[in-house]
Protein backbone atom coordinates (compact mmCIF):
# COMPACT_ATOMS: atom_id res chain seq x y z
CA GLN A 1 19.29 -1.47 0.67
CA VAL A 2 16.20 -1.67 2.13
CA GLN A 3 13.80 -4.79 0.97
CA LEU A 4 10.41 -4.51 0.79
CA VAL A 5 7.80 -7.40 0.03
CA GLU A 6 4.05 -6.91 -0.82
CA SER A 7 1.55 -9.43 -0.11
CA GLY A 8 -2.20 -10.00 0.22
CA GLY A 9 -3.69 -9.30 -3.28
CA GLY A 10 -6.04 -11.29 -5.00
CA LEU A 11 -9.29 -11.28 -7.23
CA VAL A 12 -12.22 -10.32 -5.22
CA GLN A 13 -15.90 -9.15 -6.09
CA ALA A 14 -16.64 -5.49 -6.22
CA GLY A 15 -17.62 -4.36 -2.75
CA GLY A 16 -15.48 -7.07 -1.40
CA SER A 17 -12.51 -6.88 1.05
CA LEU A 18 -8.55 -7.19 1.12
CA ARG A 19 -5.83 -6.59 3.50
CA LEU A 20 -2.53 -6.17 2.01
CA SER A 21 0.99 -6.40 3.73
CA CYS A 22 4.54 -4.78 3.14
CA ALA A 23 7.26 -5.95 4.75
CA ALA A 24 10.07 -4.28 5.11
CA SER A 25 13.87 -5.29 5.92
CA GLY A 26 16.46 -3.28 8.03
CA ASN A 27 16.70 -1.25 11.31
CA PHE A 28 14.85 2.23 10.84
CA PHE A 29 11.27 1.10 9.35
CA SER A 30 10.09 2.68 12.64
CA ILE A 31 11.04 6.45 11.59
CA ALA A 32 10.40 5.61 7.76
CA THR A 33 7.58 7.12 5.55
CA ILE A 34 5.27 4.09 3.75
CA GLY A 35 3.25 4.59 1.37
CA TRP A 36 0.97 2.50 -1.40
CA TYR A 37 0.42 3.16 -4.53
CA ARG A 38 -1.03 1.33 -7.61
CA GLN A 39 -0.58 0.89 -11.66
CA ALA A 40 -3.83 0.32 -13.55
CA PRO A 41 -3.39 -1.28 -17.02
CA GLY A 42 -1.74 1.55 -19.51
CA GLU A 43 -2.21 4.55 -16.86
CA GLN A 44 0.72 6.27 -14.66
CA ARG A 45 1.60 5.11 -11.28
CA GLU A 46 -0.67 6.91 -8.82
CA PHE A 47 -0.71 7.81 -5.08
CA VAL A 48 -3.20 5.57 -2.97
CA ALA A 49 -1.91 6.20 0.57
CA TYR A 50 0.88 6.92 3.17
CA ILE A 51 1.58 6.65 6.94
CA SER A 52 4.43 8.74 8.18
CA SER A 53 6.88 7.49 11.46
CA GLY A 54 4.35 9.54 13.89
CA GLY A 55 1.37 7.81 12.45
CA ALA A 56 -0.22 10.67 10.54
CA THR A 57 -1.85 9.26 7.42
CA GLU A 58 -3.14 11.08 4.15
CA TYR A 59 -5.29 9.32 1.62
CA ALA A 60 -5.99 9.93 -2.58
CA ASP A 61 -9.63 11.41 -2.69
CA SER A 62 -10.74 8.11 -4.63
CA VAL A 63 -10.01 5.88 -1.45
CA LYS A 64 -11.14 8.03 1.39
CA GLY A 65 -13.76 6.21 3.92
CA ARG A 66 -12.96 2.79 2.20
CA PHE A 67 -8.89 2.20 2.52
CA THR A 68 -6.78 2.17 5.84
CA ILE A 69 -2.90 2.25 6.53
CA SER A 70 -1.86 1.17 9.71
CA ARG A 71 1.42 0.01 10.40
CA ASP A 72 3.39 -1.99 13.21
CA ASN A 73 6.53 -1.38 13.99
CA SER A 74 7.60 -4.72 16.06
CA LYS A 75 6.67 -6.64 12.62
CA ASN A 76 7.98 -3.76 10.23
CA THR A 77 5.01 -4.04 8.61
CA VAL A 78 2.32 -1.63 6.62
CA TYR A 79 -0.97 -2.85 6.24
CA LEU A 80 -3.28 -1.41 3.81
CA GLN A 81 -6.89 -2.59 4.55
CA MET A 82 -9.06 -1.88 1.31
CA ASN A 83 -13.09 -2.20 1.46
CA SER A 84 -15.80 -1.59 -0.65
CA LEU A 85 -13.40 -2.66 -3.24
CA LYS A 86 -14.65 -0.94 -6.86
CA PRO A 87 -13.72 -2.53 -10.31
CA GLY A 88 -11.72 0.96 -10.61
CA ASP A 89 -9.08 -0.05 -7.60
CA THR A 90 -8.37 -2.74 -10.16
CA GLY A 91 -3.85 -2.64 -10.38
CA VAL A 92 -0.68 -3.52 -9.41
CA TYR A 93 -0.18 -2.18 -5.73
CA TYR A 94 3.22 -1.45 -4.83
CA CYS A 95 4.81 -0.03 -1.28
CA ASN A 96 6.80 2.86 -1.10
CA TYR A 97 9.37 3.58 1.60
CA ARG A 98 11.33 6.92 2.04
CA LEU A 99 14.05 7.70 4.67
CA ALA A 100 16.32 10.53 4.64
CA GLY A 101 16.82 11.11 0.72
CA TYR A 102 16.42 7.71 0.56
CA GLU A 103 13.42 5.60 -1.65
CA ASN A 104 12.64 2.14 -2.71
CA TRP A 105 9.86 0.43 -3.98
CA GLY A 106 8.79 -3.00 -3.96
CA GLN A 107 7.60 -5.56 -6.91
CA GLY A 108 3.89 -5.13 -6.23
CA THR A 109 0.84 -7.48 -5.99
CA GLN A 110 -1.87 -7.94 -8.20
CA VAL A 111 -5.55 -6.52 -6.74
CA THR A 112 -8.24 -7.12 -9.42
CA VAL A 113 -11.72 -6.53 -8.51
CA SER A 114 -14.34 -8.35 -10.63
CA SER A 115 -17.65 -6.43 -11.65
């Protein structure tokens, strides 16, 4: 089973930046699709961004132009650079791993943006 560990969350003022990391175990990281999702209190988990094994990316409309997802296969790590943060970006951010029908989630990291 692939283990995913998120880090980099914290408290930041509106307009600030954070960089989240998702470190994965296993030998097949480079061919997996990795996504970021978030969940605000009382709301459903929602898609934020993903990056494919080939480096293709997709973003939710709400974060386009502010967030950038990238990967370093040599470190089995995906990053989410978050700029121009807004209070609406507050939530628990989860890393998602998908490969050939297998899926797993990390434990999440809290991001809080104060106004």
